[in-house]
Amino acid sequence: MIDHAESATEKMLAELRRQLHAAAGRQIRRRHRRRISAVVVAALLLLAGSAFAAPRILFPEHDMGRSDIDRQMTTVVNDSWSECSAPGRCVQKHGSHGQVTMLPSMGVTFVLPDGSTVEVVGGAIGMMTSVSKSPWGGKVDPTAGGGTWTVELPGGTTRVVRWDTKTGSVVAINQDRNGSTTTTAFHSGDVVPLVPGSLDPTARTPEKAVTFDLPDGQPIYVFPSLNETFVVFLPHPPADAANPPSHAANPAPPSIMVTTHPADQARSFGLTVTPSGIVLPVTDRGGIWDVTLPGGTRREISWSAGDDFVVVTDTRSDGSQDDVEVPIGHELPLIPFR
């Protein structure tokens, strides 16, 4: 009986040693990976002079309401614009005015089966052309306080996306043929398929990326699991989603080059300017993207090849740091919201 107890104790201690050894090994590998590919990150957001918890701001588990969006207003000076009271009745104006650039990261992005996207931001649904041309367009019913977007899914399920202008909340209500309903709440920065299970796993579609919005709304896509980056544009998804070409036959380049931004502006965002265009380079091990934020904080966005997240590190002028891991399927502002 004593031998049996001792044997059980030895086994328990051996299992404990094994678990501790495995945990230590994981920690060592993690430190090594972070050291060799600089995947040490942090995110601190200073809003109106006050510090907020980084995870709730970088990929917020909350809704960005109208007041949050209005707070992003900037003043445009020496501008010219038209004010129209009716079609054909416009007056040219000159001077300064307030302006808010509506970024997808302020709301929820739905990825359609063909790879195109529809954004619900600030109590409004964007990309109406995409909605109307898509077979998944459904019916959009805007109201004074928000609106609904109704889509018929395969199998007879009806999905109603409902949003609220004031609070910025977005929910999807699915009702099957039997009348049973399920409700899913989304939050600002979420990037999700409109039709669950409809997207080609090899297509470069945004739900597989961590996307960063530049201040003018241009996106930078990081696919850590594929170890690829794309500036502004993604490769077109296969025309036939049911029979997509193989990934091996149509490999995507490690980064796509565009000339959307002037060279000086691209460099100010930490992008690399080449004779062929603008890129966010990667290595075999992953990538690092450095940006100096307004106020002098250094933001480092990094990833290891094969991960399903990126790490964001903000280093302040006093040397202090905070970090957060942002999983794929999220869209964030490169320059923090106010």
Protein backbone atom coordinates (compact mmCIF):
# COMPACT_ATOMS: atom_id res chain seq x y z
CA MET A 1 0.00 0.00 0.00
CA ILE A 2 2.89 2.35 0.91
CA ASP A 3 4.79 1.37 -2.23
CA HIS A 4 1.68 2.13 -4.29
CA ALA A 5 1.36 5.58 -2.65
CA GLU A 6 5.04 6.32 -3.20
CA SER A 7 4.72 5.23 -6.81
CA ALA A 8 1.72 7.51 -7.33
CA THR A 9 3.58 10.39 -5.70
CA GLU A 10 6.63 9.81 -7.88
CA LYS A 11 4.45 9.76 -10.96
CA MET A 12 2.76 12.98 -9.90
CA LEU A 13 6.13 14.66 -9.26
CA ALA A 14 7.47 13.38 -12.57
CA GLU A 15 4.44 14.77 -14.39
CA LEU A 16 4.85 18.09 -12.56
CA ARG A 17 8.53 18.23 -13.55
CA ARG A 18 7.57 17.45 -17.14
CA GLN A 19 4.98 20.22 -17.21
CA LEU A 20 7.40 22.72 -15.66
CA HIS A 21 10.10 21.72 -18.13
CA ALA A 22 7.67 22.09 -21.03
CA ALA A 23 6.52 25.48 -19.78
CA ALA A 24 10.12 26.64 -19.40
CA GLY A 25 10.87 25.42 -22.90
CA ARG A 26 7.93 27.35 -24.31
CA GLN A 27 9.08 30.49 -22.51
CA ILE A 28 12.65 30.09 -23.78
CA ARG A 29 11.44 29.52 -27.34
CA ARG A 30 9.14 32.53 -27.07
CA ARG A 31 11.95 34.75 -25.79
CA HIS A 32 14.27 33.45 -28.50
CA ARG A 33 11.67 34.05 -31.19
CA ARG A 34 11.03 37.56 -29.93
CA ARG A 35 14.76 38.27 -29.75
CA ILE A 36 15.68 37.09 -33.24
CA SER A 37 12.68 38.59 -35.00
CA ALA A 38 11.93 41.48 -32.66
CA VAL A 39 8.43 40.34 -31.88
CA VAL A 40 8.33 42.34 -28.68
CA VAL A 41 5.37 44.67 -28.78
CA ALA A 42 3.29 47.12 -26.94
CA ALA A 43 0.43 49.47 -27.28
CA LEU A 44 -0.38 52.45 -25.18
CA LEU A 45 -2.94 54.95 -26.33
CA LEU A 46 -3.02 58.49 -25.01
CA LEU A 47 -6.44 59.99 -25.61
CA ALA A 48 -6.87 63.64 -24.69
CA GLY A 49 -3.93 63.36 -22.32
CA SER A 50 -5.30 60.34 -20.43
CA ALA A 51 -3.97 56.79 -20.57
CA PHE A 52 -6.37 54.03 -21.57
CA ALA A 53 -5.84 50.26 -21.47
CA ALA A 54 -4.13 49.29 -24.72
CA PRO A 55 -6.10 46.13 -25.58
CA ARG A 56 -9.43 47.96 -25.34
CA ILE A 57 -8.26 50.68 -27.70
CA LEU A 58 -6.10 48.82 -30.19
CA PHE A 59 -8.69 46.18 -30.93
CA PRO A 60 -11.51 47.45 -28.76
CA GLU A 61 -13.93 45.10 -27.10
CA HIS A 62 -16.41 47.95 -27.31
CA ASP A 63 -18.45 49.92 -29.83
CA MET A 64 -17.22 53.20 -31.25
CA GLY A 65 -20.25 55.46 -31.07
CA ARG A 66 -21.02 58.73 -32.77
CA SER A 67 -19.37 60.83 -30.06
CA ASP A 68 -16.18 58.74 -30.32
CA ILE A 69 -16.10 59.34 -34.07
CA ASP A 70 -16.85 63.05 -33.76
CA ARG A 71 -13.88 63.37 -31.41
CA GLN A 72 -11.59 62.48 -34.35
CA MET A 73 -12.51 65.73 -36.13
CA THR A 74 -9.66 67.79 -37.53
CA THR A 75 -9.67 71.30 -38.97
CA VAL A 76 -8.98 71.74 -42.67
CA VAL A 77 -7.77 75.25 -43.51
CA ASN A 78 -7.90 77.16 -46.81
CA ASP A 79 -10.22 74.60 -48.35
CA SER A 80 -12.82 74.89 -51.08
CA TRP A 81 -16.06 72.90 -51.17
CA SER A 82 -19.64 72.97 -52.42
CA GLU A 83 -22.77 73.15 -50.29
CA CYS A 84 -25.90 72.01 -52.09
CA SER A 85 -29.47 72.62 -50.95
CA ALA A 86 -30.88 70.65 -53.90
CA PRO A 87 -29.61 69.04 -57.10
CA GLY A 88 -28.12 71.78 -59.23
CA ARG A 89 -28.38 74.36 -56.44
CA CYS A 90 -24.87 74.51 -55.00
CA VAL A 91 -22.82 77.31 -53.54
CA GLN A 92 -19.03 77.26 -53.59
CA LYS A 93 -17.53 77.83 -50.16
CA HIS A 94 -14.00 78.75 -49.11
CA GLY A 95 -12.28 78.75 -45.74
CA SER A 96 -11.74 76.35 -42.86
CA HIS A 97 -13.99 73.57 -41.63
CA GLY A 98 -14.06 70.49 -39.47
CA GLN A 99 -13.62 67.08 -41.08
CA VAL A 100 -13.72 63.46 -39.94
CA THR A 101 -12.28 60.70 -42.11
CA MET A 102 -14.45 57.63 -41.60
CA LEU A 103 -12.10 54.67 -41.21
CA PRO A 104 -13.22 51.02 -41.41
CA SER A 105 -11.55 50.41 -38.04
CA MET A 106 -14.19 52.66 -36.46
CA GLY A 107 -16.82 50.01 -37.19
CA VAL A 108 -17.31 46.42 -38.31
CA THR A 109 -16.18 45.04 -41.67
CA PHE A 110 -18.11 42.17 -43.28
CA VAL A 111 -16.27 40.13 -45.92
CA LEU A 112 -18.56 38.89 -48.68
CA PRO A 113 -18.04 35.45 -50.28
CA ASP A 114 -16.41 37.09 -53.32
CA GLY A 115 -13.80 38.76 -51.10
CA SER A 116 -15.23 42.29 -51.30
CA THR A 117 -16.03 44.10 -48.07
CA VAL A 118 -18.88 46.12 -46.61
CA GLU A 119 -18.22 48.40 -43.65
CA VAL A 120 -20.76 49.45 -41.03
CA VAL A 121 -19.28 52.60 -39.50
CA GLY A 122 -20.82 55.35 -37.41
CA GLY A 123 -24.38 54.18 -37.80
CA ALA A 124 -24.17 53.90 -41.58
CA ILE A 125 -23.43 51.13 -44.04
CA GLY A 126 -20.65 51.88 -46.50
CA MET A 127 -19.75 50.58 -49.93
CA MET A 128 -23.36 50.65 -51.12
CA THR A 129 -22.18 49.89 -54.67
CA SER A 130 -20.62 46.64 -53.47
CA VAL A 131 -23.84 45.73 -51.70
CA SER A 132 -26.04 46.43 -54.71
CA LYS A 133 -23.83 44.53 -57.16
CA SER A 134 -23.24 41.51 -54.99
CA PRO A 135 -25.55 38.49 -55.08
CA TRP A 136 -25.35 38.78 -51.30
CA GLY A 137 -26.54 42.38 -51.40
CA GLY A 138 -29.78 41.75 -49.58
CA LYS A 139 -31.89 44.66 -48.43
CA VAL A 140 -30.68 47.74 -46.57
CA ASP A 141 -33.17 49.74 -44.48
CA PRO A 142 -31.60 52.87 -42.94
CA THR A 143 -33.41 54.66 -40.14
CA ALA A 144 -32.82 57.87 -38.20
CA GLY A 145 -31.26 55.91 -35.35
CA GLY A 146 -29.40 53.26 -37.33
CA GLY A 147 -30.63 50.62 -39.72
CA THR A 148 -30.73 46.98 -40.77
CA TRP A 149 -29.16 44.92 -43.53
CA THR A 150 -31.04 41.71 -44.31
CA VAL A 151 -29.31 38.88 -46.20
CA GLU A 152 -30.56 35.41 -47.09
CA LEU A 153 -27.93 32.79 -46.24
CA PRO A 154 -27.64 29.27 -47.66
CA GLY A 155 -29.89 26.72 -46.02
CA GLY A 156 -32.77 29.12 -45.51
CA THR A 157 -31.28 31.17 -42.70
CA THR A 158 -31.95 34.91 -42.68
CA ARG A 159 -29.23 37.16 -41.28
CA VAL A 160 -30.19 40.65 -40.13
CA VAL A 161 -27.28 42.99 -39.36
CA ARG A 162 -28.56 45.74 -37.10
CA TRP A 163 -26.65 48.87 -36.09
CA ASP A 164 -27.24 51.87 -33.85
CA THR A 165 -26.09 55.36 -34.81
CA LYS A 166 -25.58 56.73 -31.31
CA THR A 167 -23.83 53.81 -29.65
CA GLY A 168 -22.15 52.28 -32.69
CA SER A 169 -23.33 48.80 -31.71
CA VAL A 170 -23.53 46.17 -34.47
CA VAL A 171 -25.25 42.81 -34.02
CA ALA A 172 -26.10 39.99 -36.39
CA ILE A 173 -29.35 38.11 -35.78
CA ASN A 174 -29.67 34.77 -37.55
CA GLN A 175 -33.08 33.13 -37.86
CA ASP A 176 -33.38 29.64 -39.30
CA ARG A 177 -36.37 28.03 -41.00
CA ASN A 178 -37.72 26.79 -37.69
CA GLY A 179 -37.79 30.28 -36.24
CA SER A 180 -34.86 29.76 -33.87
CA THR A 181 -32.61 32.79 -33.54
CA THR A 182 -29.03 33.41 -32.51
CA THR A 183 -27.53 36.84 -31.90
CA THR A 184 -23.86 37.75 -32.27
CA ALA A 185 -22.49 41.10 -31.11
CA PHE A 186 -19.57 42.60 -33.00
CA HIS A 187 -17.30 45.45 -31.96
CA SER A 188 -15.29 48.18 -33.60
CA GLY A 189 -12.36 46.73 -35.51
CA ASP A 190 -13.90 43.29 -36.07
CA VAL A 191 -13.47 41.82 -39.57
CA VAL A 192 -15.80 38.85 -40.07
CA PRO A 193 -17.29 36.79 -42.93
CA LEU A 194 -20.81 37.81 -43.86
CA VAL A 195 -21.60 34.16 -44.62
CA PRO A 196 -19.89 31.80 -42.16
CA GLY A 197 -17.66 29.24 -43.88
CA SER A 198 -17.95 30.87 -47.31
CA LEU A 199 -14.42 32.17 -47.83
CA ASP A 200 -11.68 30.29 -49.65
CA PRO A 201 -8.97 29.44 -47.10
CA THR A 202 -6.23 30.23 -49.64
CA ALA A 203 -7.61 33.60 -50.75
CA ARG A 204 -6.00 36.75 -49.35
CA THR A 205 -9.15 38.11 -47.74
CA PRO A 206 -9.14 40.56 -44.81
CA GLU A 207 -10.49 38.23 -42.12
CA LYS A 208 -7.11 36.42 -42.30
CA ALA A 209 -5.13 39.63 -41.76
CA VAL A 210 -4.47 42.29 -39.18
CA THR A 211 -5.24 45.49 -41.08
CA PHE A 212 -3.95 48.95 -40.22
CA ASP A 213 -5.75 52.05 -41.51
CA LEU A 214 -3.54 54.96 -42.51
CA PRO A 215 -4.99 58.37 -41.56
CA ASP A 216 -6.46 58.83 -45.06
CA GLY A 217 -8.17 55.43 -44.93
CA GLN A 218 -5.68 53.48 -47.07
CA PRO A 219 -5.19 49.99 -45.58
CA ILE A 220 -2.01 48.05 -44.91
CA TYR A 221 -2.61 44.29 -44.62
CA VAL A 222 -0.40 41.97 -42.57
CA PHE A 223 -1.00 38.22 -42.97
CA PRO A 224 1.24 36.78 -40.21
CA SER A 225 0.25 33.15 -40.80
CA LEU A 226 1.14 33.52 -44.50
CA ASN A 227 4.03 35.89 -43.76
CA GLU A 228 2.84 38.31 -46.42
CA THR A 229 2.01 42.01 -46.48
CA PHE A 230 0.02 44.08 -48.95
CA VAL A 231 -0.11 47.85 -49.29
CA VAL A 232 -3.56 49.24 -50.13
CA PHE A 233 -4.62 46.45 -52.50
CA LEU A 234 -5.13 42.71 -52.06
CA PRO A 235 -4.82 40.11 -54.84
CA HIS A 236 -8.16 39.43 -56.46
CA PRO A 237 -9.88 36.35 -54.99
CA PRO A 238 -10.53 33.47 -57.39
CA ALA A 239 -13.36 34.24 -59.79
CA ASP A 240 -14.95 30.88 -59.03
CA ALA A 241 -15.06 30.61 -55.26
CA ALA A 242 -16.40 27.07 -55.47
CA ASN A 243 -13.40 25.91 -57.53
CA PRO A 244 -10.50 28.16 -56.58
CA PRO A 245 -7.06 27.67 -58.15
CA SER A 246 -4.51 26.11 -55.85
CA HIS A 247 -2.27 28.27 -53.70
CA ALA A 248 0.81 26.53 -55.07
CA ALA A 249 -0.18 27.34 -58.64
CA ASN A 250 -0.88 30.99 -57.83
CA PRO A 251 1.45 32.07 -55.04
CA ALA A 252 1.04 35.64 -53.83
CA PRO A 253 4.11 37.88 -53.65
CA PRO A 254 5.49 38.68 -50.19
CA SER A 255 4.29 42.25 -50.59
CA ILE A 256 2.48 44.21 -53.25
CA MET A 257 3.87 47.52 -54.45
CA VAL A 258 1.79 50.58 -55.18
CA THR A 259 2.47 54.26 -55.70
CA THR A 260 -0.64 55.61 -53.97
CA HIS A 261 1.32 57.72 -51.50
CA PRO A 262 4.06 60.24 -52.21
CA ALA A 263 7.47 58.92 -51.21
CA ASP A 264 7.92 61.29 -48.24
CA GLN A 265 4.48 60.45 -46.89
CA ALA A 266 5.09 56.72 -47.26
CA ARG A 267 8.38 57.01 -45.37
CA SER A 268 6.65 58.95 -42.60
CA PHE A 269 4.41 55.89 -42.11
CA GLY A 270 7.44 53.60 -41.89
CA LEU A 271 6.90 52.08 -45.34
CA THR A 272 9.75 51.33 -47.73
CA VAL A 273 10.02 53.20 -51.01
CA THR A 274 11.57 51.27 -53.90
CA PRO A 275 12.02 52.18 -57.57
CA SER A 276 8.94 50.05 -58.32
CA GLY A 277 6.68 51.40 -55.60
CA ILE A 278 5.90 51.23 -51.88
CA VAL A 279 6.24 48.05 -49.81
CA LEU A 280 6.17 46.70 -46.29
CA PRO A 281 8.99 44.13 -46.47
CA VAL A 282 9.03 40.71 -44.81
CA THR A 283 11.79 38.20 -44.10
CA ASP A 284 11.63 34.42 -43.89
CA ARG A 285 11.12 34.74 -40.13
CA GLY A 286 8.50 37.48 -40.15
CA GLY A 287 8.55 41.23 -40.20
CA ILE A 288 8.91 44.46 -38.27
CA TRP A 289 7.16 47.74 -39.04
CA ASP A 290 8.30 50.87 -37.19
CA VAL A 291 6.29 54.08 -37.07
CA THR A 292 6.87 57.25 -35.07
CA LEU A 293 3.52 58.48 -33.76
CA PRO A 294 2.57 62.10 -33.17
CA GLY A 295 4.19 63.11 -29.89
CA GLY A 296 7.27 60.98 -30.47
CA THR A 297 6.05 57.55 -29.31
CA ARG A 298 7.60 54.74 -31.34
CA ARG A 299 5.15 52.07 -32.49
CA GLU A 300 6.55 48.71 -33.53
CA ILE A 301 4.31 46.19 -35.30
CA SER A 302 5.93 42.78 -35.60
CA TRP A 303 5.13 39.15 -36.26
CA SER A 304 6.75 35.75 -36.64
CA ALA A 305 6.00 33.72 -39.74
CA GLY A 306 3.14 31.32 -39.06
CA ASP A 307 1.59 33.20 -36.14
CA ASP A 308 -2.09 34.12 -36.11
CA PHE A 309 -1.47 37.49 -34.47
CA VAL A 310 0.80 40.51 -34.63
CA VAL A 311 2.39 42.21 -31.67
CA VAL A 312 2.12 45.98 -31.28
CA THR A 313 4.61 47.77 -29.02
CA ASP A 314 4.55 51.44 -28.15
CA THR A 315 7.75 52.83 -26.60
CA ARG A 316 7.32 56.23 -25.00
CA SER A 317 9.97 58.92 -24.72
CA ASP A 318 10.75 57.88 -21.12
CA GLY A 319 11.55 54.35 -22.32
CA SER A 320 8.50 52.68 -20.81
CA GLN A 321 6.64 50.13 -22.91
CA ASP A 322 3.34 48.30 -23.10
CA ASP A 323 2.41 45.57 -25.53
CA VAL A 324 -0.60 43.73 -26.91
CA GLU A 325 -1.12 40.80 -29.25
CA VAL A 326 -3.73 41.56 -31.91
CA PRO A 327 -5.26 38.44 -33.51
CA ILE A 328 -6.10 38.20 -37.19
CA GLY A 329 -9.55 39.37 -38.17
CA HIS A 330 -9.11 42.88 -36.74
CA GLU A 331 -8.63 46.31 -38.28
CA LEU A 332 -6.90 49.08 -36.32
CA PRO A 333 -5.87 52.69 -36.87
CA LEU A 334 -2.13 53.03 -37.45
CA ILE A 335 -2.25 56.40 -35.67
CA PRO A 336 -4.28 55.95 -32.46
CA PHE A 337 -7.73 57.45 -32.16
CA ARG A 338 -8.16 60.42 -29.89
